[in-house]
C-alpha cells in the first residue's frame, strides 16, 4: 500500500496511526489529565531493512507522531 506519488508513504500505516491520533486528541479534549504527545516507540528485528524502517518513521511523522524513538536490545 505504497502511495504512487510518495514512495516513502505507507497508506495503511498512516490510516491506522491517524485514527489513533484523532482518538487520542478527542480524549484529551474531554479529559484534562490526558494529552496526545505524538510519541511512538519502535522495536524491529535486525532483519528489517533500513529502507523499510525509514518509511515507517516517515509515515509515523506524517500522522502526527513526531517524537520517534527506536528500542534496541543489546546482546
C-alpha atoms as a PDB file:
ATOM      1  CA  UNK A   1       0.000   0.000   0.000  1.00  0.00           C
ATOM      2  CA  UNK A   2       2.695   2.467  -1.012  1.00  0.00           C
ATOM      3  CA  UNK A   3       1.440   5.818  -2.306  1.00  0.00           C
ATOM      4  CA  UNK A   4       2.278   6.228  -6.010  1.00  0.00           C
ATOM      5  CA  UNK A   5       3.025   9.951  -5.531  1.00  0.00           C
ATOM      6  CA  UNK A   6       5.222   9.398  -2.480  1.00  0.00           C
ATOM      7  CA  UNK A   7       7.007   6.023  -2.375  1.00  0.00           C
ATOM      8  CA  UNK A   8       8.039   6.598   1.257  1.00  0.00           C
ATOM      9  CA  UNK A   9       4.411   6.907   2.405  1.00  0.00           C
ATOM     10  CA  UNK A  10       2.690   3.758   3.704  1.00  0.00           C
ATOM     11  CA  UNK A  11      -1.061   4.417   3.375  1.00  0.00           C
ATOM     12  CA  UNK A  12      -2.297   1.573   5.590  1.00  0.00           C
ATOM     13  CA  UNK A  13       0.045   2.505   8.419  1.00  0.00           C
ATOM     14  CA  UNK A  14      -0.880   6.175   8.093  1.00  0.00           C
ATOM     15  CA  UNK A  15      -4.610   5.421   8.243  1.00  0.00           C
ATOM     16  CA  UNK A  16      -4.222   3.391  11.438  1.00  0.00           C
ATOM     17  CA  UNK A  17      -1.910   5.881  13.156  1.00  0.00           C
ATOM     18  CA  UNK A  18      -4.030   8.847  12.072  1.00  0.00           C
ATOM     19  CA  UNK A  19      -7.168   7.222  13.501  1.00  0.00           C
ATOM     20  CA  UNK A  20      -5.386   6.577  16.803  1.00  0.00           C
ATOM     21  CA  UNK A  21      -4.038  10.138  16.929  1.00  0.00           C
ATOM     22  CA  UNK A  22      -7.514  11.576  16.295  1.00  0.00           C
ATOM     23  CA  UNK A  23      -8.965   9.363  19.015  1.00  0.00           C
ATOM     24  CA  UNK A  24      -6.260  10.438  21.477  1.00  0.00           C
ATOM     25  CA  UNK A  25      -6.779  14.109  20.617  1.00  0.00           C
ATOM     26  CA  UNK A  26     -10.525  13.678  21.143  1.00  0.00           C
ATOM     27  CA  UNK A  27      -9.934  12.123  24.556  1.00  0.00           C
ATOM     28  CA  UNK A  28      -7.626  14.985  25.516  1.00  0.00           C
ATOM     29  CA  UNK A  29     -10.408  17.493  24.731  1.00  0.00           C
ATOM     30  CA  UNK A  30     -12.701  15.955  27.348  1.00  0.00           C
ATOM     31  CA  UNK A  31     -10.087  14.750  29.832  1.00  0.00           C
ATOM     32  CA  UNK A  32      -7.590  17.332  31.053  1.00  0.00           C
ATOM     33  CA  UNK A  33      -5.338  14.677  32.574  1.00  0.00           C
ATOM     34  CA  UNK A  34      -4.682  13.102  29.161  1.00  0.00           C
ATOM     35  CA  UNK A  35      -2.581  14.681  26.424  1.00  0.00           C
ATOM     36  CA  UNK A  36      -1.640  13.395  22.979  1.00  0.00           C
ATOM     37  CA  UNK A  37       2.136  13.693  22.901  1.00  0.00           C
ATOM     38  CA  UNK A  38       2.867  12.296  19.438  1.00  0.00           C
ATOM     39  CA  UNK A  39       5.357   9.746  20.726  1.00  0.00           C
ATOM     40  CA  UNK A  40       5.995   6.392  19.128  1.00  0.00           C
ATOM     41  CA  UNK A  41       8.467   3.739  20.247  1.00  0.00           C
ATOM     42  CA  UNK A  42       9.547   1.276  17.582  1.00  0.00           C
ATOM     43  CA  UNK A  43      11.207  -2.070  18.011  1.00  0.00           C
ATOM     44  CA  UNK A  44      12.209  -4.084  14.958  1.00  0.00           C
ATOM     45  CA  UNK A  45      14.101  -7.218  14.164  1.00  0.00           C
ATOM     46  CA  UNK A  46      17.611  -6.855  12.859  1.00  0.00           C
ATOM     47  CA  UNK A  47      16.483  -8.379   9.552  1.00  0.00           C
ATOM     48  CA  UNK A  48      14.212  -5.398   8.788  1.00  0.00           C
ATOM     49  CA  UNK A  49      15.874  -3.222   6.170  1.00  0.00           C
ATOM     50  CA  UNK A  50      16.696   0.383   6.969  1.00  0.00           C
ATOM     51  CA  UNK A  51      14.679   1.409   3.898  1.00  0.00           C
ATOM     52  CA  UNK A  52      11.508  -0.058   5.427  1.00  0.00           C
ATOM     53  CA  UNK A  53      12.327   1.453   8.810  1.00  0.00           C
ATOM     54  CA  UNK A  54      12.706   4.878   7.172  1.00  0.00           C
ATOM     55  CA  UNK A  55       9.280   4.533   5.538  1.00  0.00           C
ATOM     56  CA  UNK A  56       7.718   3.615   8.875  1.00  0.00           C
ATOM     57  CA  UNK A  57       9.344   6.596  10.619  1.00  0.00           C
ATOM     58  CA  UNK A  58       8.359   8.970   7.798  1.00  0.00           C
ATOM     59  CA  UNK A  59       4.749   7.784   7.761  1.00  0.00           C
ATOM     60  CA  UNK A  60       4.532   7.972  11.550  1.00  0.00           C
ATOM     61  CA  UNK A  61       5.664  11.584  11.454  1.00  0.00           C
ATOM     62  CA  UNK A  62       3.133  12.395   8.741  1.00  0.00           C
ATOM     63  CA  UNK A  63       0.396  11.018  11.039  1.00  0.00           C
ATOM     64  CA  UNK A  64       1.397  13.358  13.869  1.00  0.00           C
ATOM     65  CA  UNK A  65       3.851  11.144  15.706  1.00  0.00           C
ATOM     66  CA  UNK A  66       6.861  13.439  15.505  1.00  0.00           C
ATOM     67  CA  UNK A  67       8.686  12.039  18.535  1.00  0.00           C
ATOM     68  CA  UNK A  68      10.021   8.732  17.186  1.00  0.00           C
ATOM     69  CA  UNK A  69      12.345   6.573  19.254  1.00  0.00           C
ATOM     70  CA  UNK A  70      13.935   3.225  18.467  1.00  0.00           C
ATOM     71  CA  UNK A  71      14.246   0.480  21.062  1.00  0.00           C
ATOM     72  CA  UNK A  72      17.258  -1.769  20.803  1.00  0.00           C
ATOM     73  CA  UNK A  73      18.144  -4.973  22.558  1.00  0.00           C
ATOM     74  CA  UNK A  74      21.796  -5.470  23.295  1.00  0.00           C
ATOM     75  CA  UNK A  75      23.268  -8.930  23.463  1.00  0.00           C
END
